[in-house]
C-alpha atoms as a PDB file:
ATOM      1  CA  MET A   1     103.888 218.844 325.036  1.00  0.00           C
ATOM      2  CA  SER A   2     101.080 220.520 326.955  1.00  0.00           C
ATOM      3  CA  LYS A   3     100.751 220.212 330.706  1.00  0.00           C
ATOM      4  CA  ILE A   4      97.170 219.169 331.499  1.00  0.00           C
ATOM      5  CA  GLU A   5      96.013 218.977 335.105  1.00  0.00           C
ATOM      6  CA  LEU A   6      92.751 218.673 336.988  1.00  0.00           C
ATOM      7  CA  ARG A   7      92.906 220.607 340.266  1.00  0.00           C
ATOM      8  CA  ASP A   8      90.642 220.473 343.299  1.00  0.00           C
ATOM      9  CA  GLY A   9      88.938 217.314 342.076  1.00  0.00           C
ATOM     10  CA  GLY A  10      85.937 215.910 343.862  1.00  0.00           C
ATOM     11  CA  GLU A  11      83.142 213.423 343.462  1.00  0.00           C
ATOM     12  CA  ILE A  12      79.802 214.520 342.062  1.00  0.00           C
ATOM     13  CA  LEU A  13      76.398 212.865 342.186  1.00  0.00           C
ATOM     14  CA  GLY A  14      77.387 210.756 345.238  1.00  0.00           C
ATOM     15  CA  MET A  15      77.934 207.474 343.421  1.00  0.00           C
ATOM     16  CA  GLY A  16      81.678 206.811 343.448  1.00  0.00           C
ATOM     17  CA  GLY A  17      82.235 209.289 340.652  1.00  0.00           C
ATOM     18  CA  PRO A  18      82.233 210.749 338.227  1.00  0.00           C
ATOM     19  CA  PHE A  19      84.840 213.226 339.437  1.00  0.00           C
ATOM     20  CA  ARG A  20      85.180 216.860 338.430  1.00  0.00           C
ATOM     21  CA  GLY A  21      87.518 219.723 339.088  1.00  0.00           C
ATOM     22  CA  GLN A  22      89.181 222.721 337.518  1.00  0.00           C
ATOM     23  CA  LEU A  23      90.963 222.007 334.223  1.00  0.00           C
ATOM     24  CA  TYR A  24      94.260 223.806 333.685  1.00  0.00           C
ATOM     25  CA  ILE A  25      96.278 223.576 330.489  1.00  0.00           C
ATOM     26  CA  ASN A  26      99.797 225.012 330.567  1.00  0.00           C
ATOM     27  CA  GLY A  27      98.910 226.806 333.809  1.00  0.00           C
ATOM     28  CA  ALA A  28      95.825 228.578 332.399  1.00  0.00           C
ATOM     29  CA  LEU A  29      92.331 227.854 333.720  1.00  0.00           C
ATOM     30  CA  VAL A  30      90.244 226.394 330.878  1.00  0.00           C
ATOM     31  CA  ASP A  31      87.129 225.195 332.734  1.00  0.00           C
ATOM     32  CA  LYS A  32      85.911 225.315 336.352  1.00  0.00           C
ATOM     33  CA  GLU A  33      83.716 222.198 336.021  1.00  0.00           C
ATOM     34  CA  ALA A  34      85.652 219.636 333.975  1.00  0.00           C
ATOM     35  CA  MET A  35      85.399 215.891 334.368  1.00  0.00           C
ATOM     36  CA  ALA A  36      88.458 213.752 335.045  1.00  0.00           C
ATOM     37  CA  GLU A  37      90.516 212.174 332.270  1.00  0.00           C
ATOM     38  CA  PRO A  38      90.760 214.646 329.387  1.00  0.00           C
ATOM     39  CA  LEU A  39      92.191 213.105 326.206  1.00  0.00           C
ATOM     40  CA  CYS A  40      94.492 214.614 323.564  1.00  0.00           C
ATOM     41  CA  ASP A  41      94.472 213.602 319.922  1.00  0.00           C
ATOM     42  CA  PRO A  42      97.625 211.921 318.546  1.00  0.00           C
ATOM     43  CA  LEU A  43      98.743 215.130 316.794  1.00  0.00           C
ATOM     44  CA  ALA A  44      98.385 217.088 320.072  1.00  0.00           C
ATOM     45  CA  GLU A  45      96.091 219.668 318.472  1.00  0.00           C
ATOM     46  CA  TRP A  46      92.979 219.146 320.614  1.00  0.00           C
ATOM     47  CA  CYS A  47      92.399 218.349 324.275  1.00  0.00           C
ATOM     48  CA  VAL A  48      88.906 216.872 324.645  1.00  0.00           C
ATOM     49  CA  TYR A  49      87.097 216.631 327.971  1.00  0.00           C
ATOM     50  CA  VAL A  50      83.623 216.361 329.482  1.00  0.00           C
ATOM     51  CA  ALA A  51      82.180 219.512 331.071  1.00  0.00           C
ATOM     52  CA  TYR A  52      79.685 219.283 333.945  1.00  0.00           C
ATOM     53  CA  ARG A  53      76.855 221.831 333.981  1.00  0.00           C
ATOM     54  CA  CYS A  54      73.965 222.204 336.415  1.00  0.00           C
ATOM     55  CA  HIS A  55      72.077 225.479 336.331  1.00  0.00           C
ATOM     56  CA  THR A  56      69.802 224.694 339.276  1.00  0.00           C
ATOM     57  CA  ARG A  57      70.134 222.672 342.450  1.00  0.00           C
ATOM     58  CA  TRP A  58      68.138 219.764 340.995  1.00  0.00           C
ATOM     59  CA  ARG A  59      69.839 216.628 339.715  1.00  0.00           C
ATOM     60  CA  LYS A  60      67.386 216.452 336.800  1.00  0.00           C
ATOM     61  CA  ASP A  61      69.000 219.641 335.449  1.00  0.00           C
ATOM     62  CA  VAL A  62      72.527 218.183 335.217  1.00  0.00           C
ATOM     63  CA  ARG A  63      73.964 218.007 331.704  1.00  0.00           C
ATOM     64  CA  PHE A  64      77.335 216.936 330.390  1.00  0.00           C
ATOM     65  CA  TRP A  65      78.935 218.493 327.314  1.00  0.00           C
ATOM     66  CA  ILE A  66      81.906 217.337 325.253  1.00  0.00           C
ATOM     67  CA  HIS A  67      84.348 220.253 325.033  1.00  0.00           C
ATOM     68  CA  ALA A  68      87.497 220.509 322.923  1.00  0.00           C
ATOM     69  CA  TYR A  69      90.334 222.957 323.523  1.00  0.00           C
ATOM     70  CA  HIS A  70      92.669 223.778 320.630  1.00  0.00           C
ATOM     71  CA  LEU A  71      96.090 223.627 322.249  1.00  0.00           C
ATOM     72  CA  SER A  72      97.928 226.088 319.990  1.00  0.00           C
ATOM     73  CA  THR A  73      95.244 228.804 319.762  1.00  0.00           C
ATOM     74  CA  GLY A  74      93.253 228.391 322.991  1.00  0.00           C
ATOM     75  CA  HIS A  75      90.008 228.117 321.010  1.00  0.00           C
ATOM     76  CA  LEU A  76      87.329 226.358 323.112  1.00  0.00           C
ATOM     77  CA  VAL A  77      84.424 224.566 321.410  1.00  0.00           C
ATOM     78  CA  ARG A  78      81.682 222.147 322.413  1.00  0.00           C
ATOM     79  CA  TYR A  79      79.755 219.406 320.698  1.00  0.00           C
ATOM     80  CA  GLN A  80      76.235 220.468 319.675  1.00  0.00           C
ATOM     81  CA  SER A  81      74.376 218.053 321.991  1.00  0.00           C
ATOM     82  CA  ALA A  82      74.392 217.583 325.752  1.00  0.00           C
ATOM     83  CA  PHE A  83      74.240 214.201 327.492  1.00  0.00           C
ATOM     84  CA  GLU A  84      72.613 212.914 330.682  1.00  0.00           C
ATOM     85  CA  MET A  85      75.695 210.768 331.283  1.00  0.00           C
ATOM     86  CA  VAL A  86      78.859 210.320 329.245  1.00  0.00           C
ATOM     87  CA  VAL A  87      82.513 209.326 329.542  1.00  0.00           C
ATOM     88  CA  LEU A  88      85.313 209.663 326.988  1.00  0.00           C
ATOM     89  CA  SER A  89      86.334 206.308 325.607  1.00  0.00           C
ATOM     90  CA  ASP A  90      88.931 206.963 322.882  1.00  0.00           C
ATOM     91  CA  ILE A  91      90.335 209.583 320.541  1.00  0.00           C
ATOM     92  CA  ASN A  92      92.260 209.387 317.289  1.00  0.00           C
ATOM     93  CA  SER A  93      93.272 211.878 314.600  1.00  0.00           C
ATOM     94  CA  GLU A  94      89.727 212.014 313.180  1.00  0.00           C
ATOM     95  CA  THR A  95      87.174 211.031 315.825  1.00  0.00           C
ATOM     96  CA  VAL A  96      86.279 211.174 319.495  1.00  0.00           C
ATOM     97  CA  VAL A  97      84.520 208.110 320.899  1.00  0.00           C
ATOM     98  CA  VAL A  98      82.245 208.520 323.899  1.00  0.00           C
ATOM     99  CA  LYS A  99      80.324 206.012 325.958  1.00  0.00           C
ATOM    100  CA  ARG A 100      76.902 206.933 327.274  1.00  0.00           C
ATOM    101  CA  ALA A 101      77.755 205.870 330.822  1.00  0.00           C
ATOM    102  CA  PHE A 102      79.611 207.393 333.772  1.00  0.00           C
ATOM    103  CA  HIS A 103      82.460 204.907 334.128  1.00  0.00           C
ATOM    104  CA  ALA A 104      84.660 203.629 331.315  1.00  0.00           C
ATOM    105  CA  HIS A 105      84.363 199.984 332.437  1.00  0.00           C
ATOM    106  CA  TYR A 106      80.541 199.976 332.294  1.00  0.00           C
ATOM    107  CA  LYS A 107      78.738 198.929 329.168  1.00  0.00           C
ATOM    108  CA  GLY A 108      77.084 201.738 327.312  1.00  0.00           C
ATOM    109  CA  ASP A 109      76.200 202.900 323.845  1.00  0.00           C
ATOM    110  CA  LEU A 110      79.287 204.036 321.952  1.00  0.00           C
ATOM    111  CA  MET A 111      79.040 207.146 319.856  1.00  0.00           C
ATOM    112  CA  GLU A 112      81.647 208.481 317.457  1.00  0.00           C
ATOM    113  CA  MET A 113      81.859 212.178 316.694  1.00  0.00           C
ATOM    114  CA  PRO A 114      84.280 213.934 314.360  1.00  0.00           C
ATOM    115  CA  LEU A 115      87.202 215.720 315.944  1.00  0.00           C
ATOM    116  CA  PRO A 116      86.690 219.493 315.611  1.00  0.00           C
ATOM    117  CA  HIS A 117      88.225 221.307 312.668  1.00  0.00           C
ATOM    118  CA  PHE A 118      88.206 224.847 311.326  1.00  0.00           C
ATOM    119  CA  ASP A 119      86.582 225.790 308.029  1.00  0.00           C
ATOM    120  CA  GLU A 120      88.083 228.121 305.404  1.00  0.00           C
ATOM    121  CA  THR A 121      86.972 231.198 307.387  1.00  0.00           C
ATOM    122  CA  ASN A 122      88.735 229.899 310.527  1.00  0.00           C
ATOM    123  CA  ARG A 123      85.445 229.108 312.285  1.00  0.00           C
ATOM    124  CA  VAL A 124      84.817 225.760 313.900  1.00  0.00           C
ATOM    125  CA  ALA A 125      82.753 223.488 311.667  1.00  0.00           C
ATOM    126  CA  SER A 126      79.482 221.800 312.643  1.00  0.00           C
ATOM    127  CA  PRO A 127      78.615 219.719 314.698  1.00  0.00           C
ATOM    128  CA  TRP A 128      80.910 221.748 316.994  1.00  0.00           C
ATOM    129  CA  MET A 129      80.251 225.321 318.142  1.00  0.00           C
ATOM    130  CA  ASP A 130      82.132 228.011 320.035  1.00  0.00           C
ATOM    131  CA  VAL A 131      81.754 228.098 323.807  1.00  0.00           C
ATOM    132  CA  VAL A 132      80.457 231.508 324.751  1.00  0.00           C
END
């Protein structure tokens, strides 16, 4: 079982959340700007979380990405599209469900995306891509 922890968490956007911090898995830093509540699939292959990115000081430039970390290999991938707001809702052995909102209890459009998998050449298959 992997040890997943969010360290140095703090509120962003000044609205009672969402919260972000540094994501550590088994003591190794995976992401410096991860959102709270990462989810693992039932087979404990993937840890999926939301990554916060803002490349300027303007709120209009904030984007959220769905990232997935392969627990046995350390391979980090992201979903092909960014979101203006998103929260993880559910995960199973085949799909990740996200809600286009900031808090799980708010109503929002649900979107299902396939859980990442590797193709025959050991590359992550679309719609996921490697994080560079």
